Amino acid sequence: MNKKKGSSSEEKCTLQEILGVIGGKWSMSIIYALFTGKKRFSELERLVPNINTRMLVKELKNMEANGIVVREVFATVPPTVEYTLTTKGRKLEPIINELYKWGVEYVG
């Protein structure tokens, strides 16, 4: 008997895990902003519309913990912090670009 794609509990669990990593309200917008290279925190605040500081901190910490972004702190006064995508994070670029195209066609 053939299983329908997406029917196993293992597949559903994996999808839930994926959404836990990149499914936050702001995650894809942050990742999208980082596709063009390193960004300071203040740049990300400007590039991700309507996000507040607390949520940006939360999303970045989650993505850092999951190996999507790297946070680099420089010993300057005041401290400079830059965020960049890891190799793992970069692999999301074609996926997010396709989701964007789908959204343009079917949502917006």
Protein backbone atom coordinates (compact mmCIF):
# COMPACT_ATOMS: atom_id res chain seq x y z
CA MET A 1 0.00 0.00 0.00
CA ASN A 2 1.41 3.40 -0.98
CA LYS A 3 1.47 6.14 1.62
CA LYS A 4 0.29 9.57 0.63
CA LYS A 5 3.00 12.17 0.93
CA GLY A 6 2.66 14.05 4.20
CA SER A 7 0.59 11.36 5.86
CA SER A 8 3.09 9.85 8.27
CA SER A 9 3.44 11.16 11.79
CA GLU A 10 7.22 11.32 11.23
CA GLU A 11 6.75 13.72 8.29
CA LYS A 12 4.32 15.83 10.31
CA CYS A 13 6.79 15.98 13.19
CA THR A 14 9.58 17.10 10.86
CA LEU A 15 7.37 19.83 9.39
CA GLN A 16 6.55 21.04 12.91
CA GLU A 17 10.26 21.14 13.74
CA ILE A 18 10.97 23.15 10.57
CA LEU A 19 8.24 25.63 11.47
CA GLY A 20 9.76 25.91 14.94
CA VAL A 21 12.99 27.11 13.34
CA ILE A 22 11.78 29.35 10.50
CA GLY A 23 8.05 29.65 11.10
CA GLY A 24 8.07 32.64 13.43
CA LYS A 25 6.10 35.66 12.24
CA TRP A 26 9.30 37.57 11.47
CA SER A 27 11.83 34.80 10.74
CA MET A 28 11.60 34.73 6.97
CA SER A 29 11.70 38.52 6.72
CA ILE A 30 14.86 38.59 8.84
CA ILE A 31 16.47 35.81 6.82
CA TYR A 32 15.45 37.57 3.59
CA ALA A 33 17.11 40.78 4.83
CA LEU A 34 20.32 38.85 5.53
CA PHE A 35 20.53 37.39 2.01
CA THR A 36 22.46 40.49 0.91
CA GLY A 37 25.10 40.13 3.62
CA LYS A 38 25.99 41.13 7.17
CA LYS A 39 23.63 43.47 8.95
CA ARG A 40 23.79 45.38 12.20
CA PHE A 41 20.87 45.13 14.57
CA SER A 42 19.69 48.66 13.71
CA GLU A 43 19.77 47.81 9.99
CA LEU A 44 17.57 44.78 10.59
CA GLU A 45 15.13 46.93 12.56
CA ARG A 46 14.84 49.22 9.53
CA LEU A 47 14.66 46.41 6.95
CA VAL A 48 11.97 44.36 8.72
CA PRO A 49 8.87 46.56 8.78
CA ASN A 50 6.74 46.73 11.94
CA ILE A 51 8.98 44.50 14.08
CA ASN A 52 9.67 45.74 17.59
CA THR A 53 13.05 45.46 19.29
CA ARG A 54 11.95 42.71 21.69
CA MET A 55 10.67 40.48 18.88
CA LEU A 56 13.77 41.04 16.76
CA VAL A 57 15.98 40.01 19.69
CA LYS A 58 13.81 36.92 20.30
CA GLU A 59 13.81 35.83 16.64
CA LEU A 60 17.57 36.38 16.25
CA LYS A 61 18.30 34.36 19.41
CA ASN A 62 16.10 31.52 18.15
CA MET A 63 17.78 31.53 14.74
CA GLU A 64 21.22 31.68 16.34
CA ALA A 65 20.36 28.72 18.61
CA ASN A 66 19.20 26.77 15.53
CA GLY A 67 22.32 27.53 13.50
CA ILE A 68 20.64 29.83 10.97
CA VAL A 69 22.49 33.04 11.89
CA VAL A 70 25.79 33.95 13.52
CA ARG A 71 26.05 36.88 15.90
CA GLU A 72 29.43 38.60 15.93
CA VAL A 73 30.26 41.16 18.64
CA PHE A 74 33.09 43.64 18.08
CA ALA A 75 35.03 45.21 20.96
CA THR A 76 34.15 48.79 20.16
CA VAL A 77 32.54 51.54 22.20
CA PRO A 78 29.61 51.30 21.91
CA PRO A 79 29.70 47.58 21.06
CA THR A 80 29.02 46.72 17.43
CA VAL A 81 27.01 43.58 16.70
CA GLU A 82 26.59 42.08 13.24
CA TYR A 83 24.43 39.20 12.10
CA THR A 84 25.09 36.99 9.11
CA LEU A 85 23.60 33.80 7.71
CA THR A 86 25.38 30.52 8.26
CA THR A 87 25.78 28.00 5.45
CA LYS A 88 22.66 26.33 6.80
CA GLY A 89 20.82 29.67 6.67
CA ARG A 90 22.03 30.38 3.12
CA LYS A 91 20.47 27.12 1.96
CA LEU A 92 17.07 28.66 2.74
CA GLU A 93 17.51 31.32 0.03
CA PRO A 94 16.00 29.38 -2.91
CA ILE A 95 13.20 28.08 -0.70
CA ILE A 96 12.24 31.52 0.60
CA ASN A 97 12.53 33.03 -2.88
CA GLU A 98 10.11 30.40 -4.22
CA LEU A 99 7.71 31.04 -1.34
CA TYR A 100 7.88 34.75 -2.15
CA LYS A 101 7.03 34.06 -5.82
CA TRP A 102 4.16 31.82 -4.76
CA GLY A 103 2.86 34.55 -2.45
CA VAL A 104 2.99 37.17 -5.20
CA GLU A 105 1.05 34.90 -7.52
CA TYR A 106 -1.55 33.49 -5.14
CA VAL A 107 -1.76 35.72 -2.07
CA GLY A 108 -1.00 39.28 -3.10
